[in-house]
């Protein structure tokens, strides 16, 4: 039988550039590189037999890729979809596994706080959803729907009936307003709190500095040298920190921190100094406000809502302290802890800039509205369950 003539190949400039990139690219898969070489040879008018000799491929292979490119262009060089082996699990089984992953283990009587993939696989077999199944298969199915039963996020109900007004009062101070009026040049906002139980842990072997391809190494075993509390007052708009170390927290240590700040200028002669604090026992309620005003008439205590310490900007500074000073903890004694904290204050104050606080009262209203929608939906769902029962 006469052999059909080879298909002629004419390339556009873009196709030629792409094929050359595929044929000579170091990161191109070998199979795609060879197919691109076949097409480039064909575009030069060479026969299939000549191309087969040049590339070391079988004549039928050259004819196949030349024809597929002529018919489908660049997309024809990719592998065609194959049917593969029959599915081992049905769609129903997949849905049942995903549904199980979305249940709390306690609902199944399993003594677990949360599922992981091996536990889910065992539960699938125990429930006779499938005769056998691997943990990797179980992991793949929830992953397709972004279901992660091995993770958890915590949340808390708003219990303070005056949450909105208290939070707005703090946010307004951050924006330098009070009762709808701008703060004066002689008004200051201080964010204060305590960081408790900073321990002096003396490692049993010296800490090793990092080296080439080696992280810093800190010995796991240590001797305890006690713990102290670190109290800090952060000037929100001037980015200045005042700190002190105390054996423990309490009213007296907090008032000592207040005195440390209020005897200095510009706070001593300021018109008002607003102290933003949470509801810790050292500064809780009206008694704490009266106690502060009695000693410093220009000081105004402003409480965040209950369970809303995240509104207190000094917590951001404490996170910096934790990452840059405390962890990993390797101190010989408490005196070394105190010296390190005071030295860090000086270093921080030398270059600090105010935190870019972007959460405003508008964001607060949006958050509360969103929470209200979720709460209403939950109440409606619970009522529907009650009626159905």
Protein backbone atom coordinates (compact mmCIF):
# COMPACT_ATOMS: atom_id res chain seq x y z
CA UNK A 1 0.00 0.00 0.00
CA UNK A 2 1.22 3.50 -0.75
CA UNK A 3 2.18 5.49 2.38
CA UNK A 4 0.16 8.67 3.02
CA UNK A 5 2.27 11.80 2.63
CA UNK A 6 3.40 13.54 5.83
CA UNK A 7 1.23 16.43 7.00
CA UNK A 8 2.80 19.80 6.31
CA UNK A 9 3.40 21.96 9.37
CA UNK A 10 3.46 25.78 9.25
CA UNK A 11 4.15 27.61 12.49
CA UNK A 12 3.25 31.08 13.64
CA UNK A 13 5.91 33.16 15.40
CA UNK A 14 4.21 32.60 18.77
CA UNK A 15 3.98 28.83 18.22
CA UNK A 16 7.61 28.63 17.17
CA UNK A 17 8.74 30.54 20.27
CA UNK A 18 6.66 28.33 22.55
CA UNK A 19 7.89 25.12 20.91
CA UNK A 20 11.53 26.22 21.20
CA UNK A 21 10.98 27.00 24.87
CA UNK A 22 9.49 23.52 25.35
CA UNK A 23 12.20 21.77 23.33
CA UNK A 24 15.14 23.39 25.12
CA UNK A 25 13.73 24.30 28.53
CA UNK A 26 15.49 22.67 31.48
CA UNK A 27 12.24 22.41 33.45
CA UNK A 28 10.17 20.94 30.62
CA UNK A 29 9.09 17.32 31.03
CA UNK A 30 11.04 14.95 28.79
CA UNK A 31 7.98 13.73 26.92
CA UNK A 32 6.90 17.31 26.06
CA UNK A 33 10.44 18.21 25.03
CA UNK A 34 10.58 15.31 22.58
CA UNK A 35 7.15 16.14 21.12
CA UNK A 36 8.16 19.76 20.60
CA UNK A 37 11.33 18.63 18.80
CA UNK A 38 9.21 16.46 16.47
CA UNK A 39 7.05 19.43 15.50
CA UNK A 40 10.05 21.72 14.97
CA UNK A 41 11.64 19.16 12.68
CA UNK A 42 8.35 18.79 10.80
CA UNK A 43 8.10 22.56 10.37
CA UNK A 44 11.45 22.46 8.55
CA UNK A 45 9.85 20.13 5.96
CA UNK A 46 11.61 16.97 7.06
CA UNK A 47 10.02 13.57 6.53
CA UNK A 48 8.74 11.37 9.30
CA UNK A 49 11.46 8.80 8.63
CA UNK A 50 14.15 11.49 8.90
CA UNK A 51 12.67 12.81 12.16
CA UNK A 52 12.50 9.27 13.58
CA UNK A 53 16.21 8.80 12.88
CA UNK A 54 17.08 12.20 14.39
CA UNK A 55 15.08 11.73 17.60
CA UNK A 56 15.38 7.97 18.05
CA UNK A 57 11.58 7.58 18.13
CA UNK A 58 9.46 5.01 16.34
CA UNK A 59 8.07 6.12 12.99
CA UNK A 60 4.48 5.70 14.23
CA UNK A 61 5.23 7.92 17.25
CA UNK A 62 6.54 10.70 15.01
CA UNK A 63 3.52 10.38 12.73
CA UNK A 64 1.15 10.54 15.76
CA UNK A 65 2.52 13.77 17.27
CA UNK A 66 2.89 15.43 13.89
CA UNK A 67 -0.75 14.70 13.12
CA UNK A 68 -2.03 15.75 16.53
CA UNK A 69 -0.24 19.09 16.30
CA UNK A 70 -1.61 19.68 12.81
CA UNK A 71 -5.14 19.02 14.11
CA UNK A 72 -5.08 20.61 17.57
CA UNK A 73 -1.94 22.81 17.54
CA UNK A 74 -0.12 23.21 20.88
CA UNK A 75 -2.92 21.70 22.95
CA UNK A 76 -2.56 18.50 20.92
CA UNK A 77 0.86 17.81 22.45
CA UNK A 78 -0.62 17.21 25.90
CA UNK A 79 -1.65 13.74 27.01
CA UNK A 80 -5.27 12.84 26.37
CA UNK A 81 -7.46 12.02 29.31
CA UNK A 82 -7.56 8.33 30.10
CA UNK A 83 -10.36 6.41 31.71
CA UNK A 84 -8.09 4.83 34.32
CA UNK A 85 -9.07 2.02 36.60
CA UNK A 86 -12.64 1.81 37.94
CA UNK A 87 -13.39 3.87 41.04
CA UNK A 88 -12.85 1.96 44.30
CA UNK A 89 -15.51 3.94 46.17
CA UNK A 90 -18.91 5.23 45.20
CA UNK A 91 -20.06 8.83 45.33
CA UNK A 92 -22.32 7.89 48.26
CA UNK A 93 -19.38 6.55 50.25
CA UNK A 94 -17.43 9.75 49.59
CA UNK A 95 -20.35 11.86 50.81
CA UNK A 96 -20.75 9.70 53.92
CA UNK A 97 -17.09 10.11 54.85
CA UNK A 98 -17.33 13.88 54.40
CA UNK A 99 -20.48 13.95 56.54
CA UNK A 100 -18.71 11.95 59.25
CA UNK A 101 -15.79 14.39 59.18
CA UNK A 102 -18.27 17.21 59.83
CA UNK A 103 -19.59 15.54 63.01
CA UNK A 104 -18.07 15.94 66.44
CA UNK A 105 -16.48 12.68 67.62
CA UNK A 106 -18.65 12.78 70.76
CA UNK A 107 -21.74 12.45 68.55
CA UNK A 108 -20.36 9.10 67.39
CA UNK A 109 -19.49 7.96 70.89
CA UNK A 110 -15.76 8.17 70.12
CA UNK A 111 -13.63 9.34 73.10
CA UNK A 112 -11.85 11.95 71.00
CA UNK A 113 -11.77 15.74 71.04
CA UNK A 114 -11.42 15.95 67.25
CA UNK A 115 -10.93 13.69 64.25
CA UNK A 116 -7.71 13.01 62.42
CA UNK A 117 -7.47 11.03 59.19
CA UNK A 118 -6.40 7.65 60.67
CA UNK A 119 -9.19 7.87 63.26
CA UNK A 120 -11.71 8.76 60.55
CA UNK A 121 -10.55 5.80 58.45
CA UNK A 122 -11.06 3.43 61.39
CA UNK A 123 -14.50 4.91 62.08
CA UNK A 124 -15.49 4.48 58.41
CA UNK A 125 -14.64 0.79 58.60
CA UNK A 126 -16.34 0.40 61.99
CA UNK A 127 -19.55 1.87 60.58
CA UNK A 128 -19.33 -0.42 57.53
CA UNK A 129 -19.30 2.57 55.19
CA UNK A 130 -16.41 0.82 53.43
CA UNK A 131 -14.72 -2.53 53.90
CA UNK A 132 -11.30 -0.93 54.04
CA UNK A 133 -9.95 2.56 53.39
CA UNK A 134 -6.60 4.27 53.87
CA UNK A 135 -5.97 7.44 55.83
CA UNK A 136 -4.57 9.11 52.70
CA UNK A 137 -7.84 8.51 50.85
CA UNK A 138 -9.81 9.96 53.75
CA UNK A 139 -7.51 12.98 53.77
CA UNK A 140 -8.02 13.58 50.05
CA UNK A 141 -11.83 13.73 50.16
CA UNK A 142 -12.33 16.37 52.86
CA UNK A 143 -9.45 18.37 51.36
CA UNK A 144 -11.48 18.79 48.17
CA UNK A 145 -14.12 20.68 50.19
CA UNK A 146 -11.64 22.41 52.55
CA UNK A 147 -12.91 20.34 55.50
CA UNK A 148 -10.27 20.18 58.25
CA UNK A 149 -11.68 18.37 61.28
CA UNK A 150 -8.23 18.16 62.89
CA UNK A 151 -8.13 21.97 63.26
CA UNK A 152 -10.19 24.20 65.53
CA UNK A 153 -10.79 27.89 66.15
CA UNK A 154 -12.06 29.29 69.42
CA UNK A 155 -14.71 31.97 69.87
CA UNK A 156 -16.62 33.61 72.70
CA UNK A 157 -20.04 35.16 73.18
CA UNK A 158 -20.32 38.87 73.91
CA UNK A 159 -21.58 39.02 77.50
CA UNK A 160 -21.07 42.71 78.25
CA UNK A 161 -24.40 44.52 77.72
CA UNK A 162 -22.50 47.77 77.09
CA UNK A 163 -20.00 46.21 74.69
CA UNK A 164 -20.65 48.65 71.85
CA UNK A 165 -20.43 51.83 73.92
CA UNK A 166 -17.32 50.70 75.84
CA UNK A 167 -15.54 49.53 72.71
CA UNK A 168 -16.45 52.69 70.82
CA UNK A 169 -15.08 54.80 73.68
CA UNK A 170 -11.69 53.08 73.34
CA UNK A 171 -11.66 53.24 69.54
CA UNK A 172 -12.53 56.94 69.63
CA UNK A 173 -9.57 57.59 71.91
CA UNK A 174 -7.30 55.80 69.46
CA UNK A 175 -8.69 58.13 66.78
CA UNK A 176 -8.04 61.09 69.13
CA UNK A 177 -11.67 61.93 69.81
CA UNK A 178 -13.74 61.92 73.00
CA UNK A 179 -17.53 62.34 73.10
CA UNK A 180 -17.46 63.51 69.49
CA UNK A 181 -14.81 66.19 70.12
CA UNK A 182 -11.15 66.05 69.09
CA UNK A 183 -8.58 65.55 71.83
CA UNK A 184 -6.42 68.53 72.64
CA UNK A 185 -2.67 68.73 72.26
CA UNK A 186 -2.36 68.23 76.02
CA UNK A 187 -4.51 65.06 76.08
CA UNK A 188 -2.73 61.69 76.10
CA UNK A 189 -3.87 58.07 75.72
CA UNK A 190 -2.07 55.33 77.65
CA UNK A 191 -2.71 51.61 77.11
CA UNK A 192 -1.67 49.53 80.13
CA UNK A 193 -1.71 45.93 81.29
CA UNK A 194 0.35 43.18 82.95
CA UNK A 195 2.20 40.25 81.41
CA UNK A 196 2.29 37.60 84.11
CA UNK A 197 4.58 34.66 84.88
CA UNK A 198 7.66 35.47 82.87
CA UNK A 199 9.93 32.66 84.02
CA UNK A 200 13.67 32.55 84.44
CA UNK A 201 14.63 29.23 82.88
CA UNK A 202 18.32 28.42 83.00
CA UNK A 203 19.10 25.85 80.32
CA UNK A 204 21.23 22.95 81.50
CA UNK A 205 23.49 23.33 78.46
CA UNK A 206 24.52 26.56 76.70
CA UNK A 207 22.40 27.77 73.80
CA UNK A 208 24.16 27.22 70.46
CA UNK A 209 24.17 30.06 67.95
CA UNK A 210 22.85 29.39 64.45
CA UNK A 211 25.28 28.34 61.75
CA UNK A 212 25.32 27.28 58.12
CA UNK A 213 22.25 25.10 57.49
CA UNK A 214 21.64 24.96 61.25
CA UNK A 215 19.04 26.73 63.37
CA UNK A 216 19.79 28.04 66.85
CA UNK A 217 19.69 25.17 69.31
CA UNK A 218 18.19 25.51 72.77
CA UNK A 219 18.49 22.71 75.29
CA UNK A 220 15.11 21.36 76.38
CA UNK A 221 15.99 20.72 80.04
CA UNK A 222 16.29 23.68 82.37
CA UNK A 223 16.32 24.78 85.96
CA UNK A 224 13.62 27.10 87.27
CA UNK A 225 14.68 30.44 88.68
CA UNK A 226 11.26 31.87 89.60
CA UNK A 227 8.84 34.12 87.75
CA UNK A 228 7.93 37.79 87.69
CA UNK A 229 5.24 40.05 86.27
CA UNK A 230 5.99 42.69 83.66
CA UNK A 231 3.76 45.76 83.76
CA UNK A 232 3.78 48.14 80.81
CA UNK A 233 2.12 51.43 79.87
CA UNK A 234 2.15 52.30 76.17
CA UNK A 235 1.53 55.84 74.90
CA UNK A 236 -0.67 55.08 71.91
CA UNK A 237 0.12 58.18 69.87
CA UNK A 238 3.75 58.79 70.89
CA UNK A 239 4.77 55.09 70.75
CA UNK A 240 6.61 55.29 74.05
CA UNK A 241 6.70 52.42 76.54
CA UNK A 242 7.06 52.61 80.31
CA UNK A 243 7.62 49.30 82.03
CA UNK A 244 8.47 47.79 85.38
CA UNK A 245 9.01 44.34 86.83
CA UNK A 246 7.19 43.23 89.97
CA UNK A 247 7.12 39.97 91.94
CA UNK A 248 3.38 39.72 91.29
CA UNK A 249 0.41 41.67 89.97
CA UNK A 250 -2.08 43.59 92.08
CA UNK A 251 -3.36 47.04 92.95
CA UNK A 252 -0.09 48.30 94.44
CA UNK A 253 2.10 47.23 91.49
CA UNK A 254 -0.37 48.79 89.05
CA UNK A 255 -0.48 52.05 90.98
CA UNK A 256 3.33 52.04 91.01
CA UNK A 257 3.24 51.85 87.19
CA UNK A 258 0.78 54.73 87.09
CA UNK A 259 3.04 56.78 89.36
CA UNK A 260 6.05 55.99 87.17
CA UNK A 261 4.25 57.58 84.22
CA UNK A 262 2.27 60.38 85.84
CA UNK A 263 5.21 62.04 87.59
CA UNK A 264 6.91 62.58 84.22
CA UNK A 265 6.24 65.30 81.71
CA UNK A 266 4.18 65.82 79.66
CA UNK A 267 1.75 63.67 81.68
CA UNK A 268 2.17 65.45 85.03
CA UNK A 269 0.91 68.76 83.64
CA UNK A 270 -1.42 67.31 80.97
CA UNK A 271 -5.06 68.27 80.86
CA UNK A 272 -6.17 64.62 80.70
CA UNK A 273 -4.37 61.29 80.57
CA UNK A 274 -6.68 58.46 79.52
CA UNK A 275 -5.65 55.04 80.83
CA UNK A 276 -7.10 52.21 78.70
CA UNK A 277 -7.16 48.99 80.74
CA UNK A 278 -8.99 45.67 80.70
CA UNK A 279 -11.08 44.24 83.52
CA UNK A 280 -8.27 42.57 85.45
CA UNK A 281 -8.47 42.56 89.23
CA UNK A 282 -5.73 45.21 89.53
CA UNK A 283 -7.88 47.91 87.90
CA UNK A 284 -11.46 46.65 87.75
CA UNK A 285 -14.61 48.73 88.14
CA UNK A 286 -15.45 52.15 89.52
CA UNK A 287 -13.32 51.68 92.62
CA UNK A 288 -10.19 51.52 90.48
CA UNK A 289 -11.28 54.65 88.58
CA UNK A 290 -11.93 56.55 91.83
CA UNK A 291 -8.64 55.36 93.29
CA UNK A 292 -6.75 56.60 90.24
CA UNK A 293 -8.50 59.99 90.13
CA UNK A 294 -7.98 60.54 93.85
CA UNK A 295 -4.21 60.39 93.41
CA UNK A 296 -3.98 61.92 89.93
CA UNK A 297 -6.95 64.22 89.17
CA UNK A 298 -6.04 64.47 85.47
CA UNK A 299 -6.05 60.68 85.01
CA UNK A 300 -9.16 59.04 83.49
CA UNK A 301 -9.56 55.26 83.63
CA UNK A 302 -11.24 53.74 80.55
CA UNK A 303 -12.17 50.05 80.59
CA UNK A 304 -12.39 47.81 77.55
CA UNK A 305 -15.51 45.60 77.41
CA UNK A 306 -15.42 42.27 79.20
CA UNK A 307 -13.47 39.64 77.22
CA UNK A 308 -12.13 42.29 74.82
CA UNK A 309 -8.49 42.69 75.80
CA UNK A 310 -7.72 42.60 72.07
CA UNK A 311 -8.83 46.24 72.03
CA UNK A 312 -5.91 47.12 74.30
CA UNK A 313 -2.95 48.16 72.16
CA UNK A 314 -0.39 47.24 74.81
CA UNK A 315 -1.19 43.60 74.01
CA UNK A 316 0.53 44.15 70.65
CA UNK A 317 3.63 45.33 72.48
CA UNK A 318 3.47 42.27 74.74
CA UNK A 319 3.42 40.03 71.66
CA UNK A 320 6.59 41.80 70.47
CA UNK A 321 8.18 41.20 73.88
CA UNK A 322 7.24 37.52 73.76
CA UNK A 323 8.76 37.01 70.33
CA UNK A 324 11.88 39.14 70.71
CA UNK A 325 12.78 38.93 74.39
CA UNK A 326 11.14 35.99 76.16
CA UNK A 327 11.18 33.14 73.63
CA UNK A 328 13.26 31.06 73.78
CA UNK A 329 13.59 31.64 77.52
CA UNK A 330 17.17 31.20 78.75
CA UNK A 331 17.93 33.32 81.84
CA UNK A 332 20.12 32.51 84.81
CA UNK A 333 17.89 34.38 87.29
CA UNK A 334 15.09 36.94 87.59
CA UNK A 335 17.55 39.83 87.71
CA UNK A 336 18.69 38.93 84.21
CA UNK A 337 15.06 38.83 83.04
CA UNK A 338 14.45 42.32 84.43
CA UNK A 339 17.66 43.69 82.92
CA UNK A 340 16.77 42.27 79.50
CA UNK A 341 13.25 43.75 79.61
CA UNK A 342 14.48 47.21 80.62
CA UNK A 343 17.19 47.15 77.96
CA UNK A 344 14.61 46.16 75.36
CA UNK A 345 12.38 49.09 76.41
CA UNK A 346 15.21 51.52 75.66
CA UNK A 347 15.92 49.82 72.34
CA UNK A 348 12.23 49.80 71.40
CA UNK A 349 11.62 53.44 72.36
CA UNK A 350 14.55 54.58 70.24
CA UNK A 351 12.92 53.55 66.96
CA UNK A 352 9.25 52.81 67.72
CA UNK A 353 6.41 54.10 65.57
CA UNK A 354 2.72 54.09 66.59
CA UNK A 355 0.89 50.90 65.68
CA UNK A 356 -1.18 51.20 62.52
CA UNK A 357 -4.49 50.61 64.24
CA UNK A 358 -7.14 50.29 61.53
CA UNK A 359 -10.13 48.90 63.44
CA UNK A 360 -12.65 51.77 63.72
CA UNK A 361 -16.16 52.20 65.09
CA UNK A 362 -17.49 51.50 61.58
CA UNK A 363 -15.69 48.14 61.62
CA UNK A 364 -17.10 47.56 65.10
CA UNK A 365 -20.67 48.11 63.89
CA UNK A 366 -20.09 45.75 60.95
CA UNK A 367 -18.71 43.11 63.32
CA UNK A 368 -21.64 43.40 65.71
CA UNK A 369 -24.14 43.25 62.85
CA UNK A 370 -22.46 40.11 61.52
CA UNK A 371 -22.50 38.50 64.96
CA UNK A 372 -26.13 39.43 65.37
CA UNK A 373 -27.01 37.73 62.08
CA UNK A 374 -25.22 34.56 63.17
CA UNK A 375 -26.87 34.63 66.59
CA UNK A 376 -30.31 35.12 65.04
CA UNK A 377 -29.70 32.24 62.64
CA UNK A 378 -28.63 30.00 65.54
CA UNK A 379 -31.75 30.92 67.54
CA UNK A 380 -33.94 30.21 64.53
CA UNK A 381 -32.23 26.83 64.01
CA UNK A 382 -32.67 25.89 67.68
CA UNK A 383 -36.34 26.90 67.57
CA UNK A 384 -36.89 24.78 64.47
CA UNK A 385 -35.31 21.77 66.18
CA UNK A 386 -37.46 22.32 69.26
CA UNK A 387 -40.65 22.52 67.18
CA UNK A 388 -39.72 19.40 65.24
CA UNK A 389 -39.15 17.52 68.47
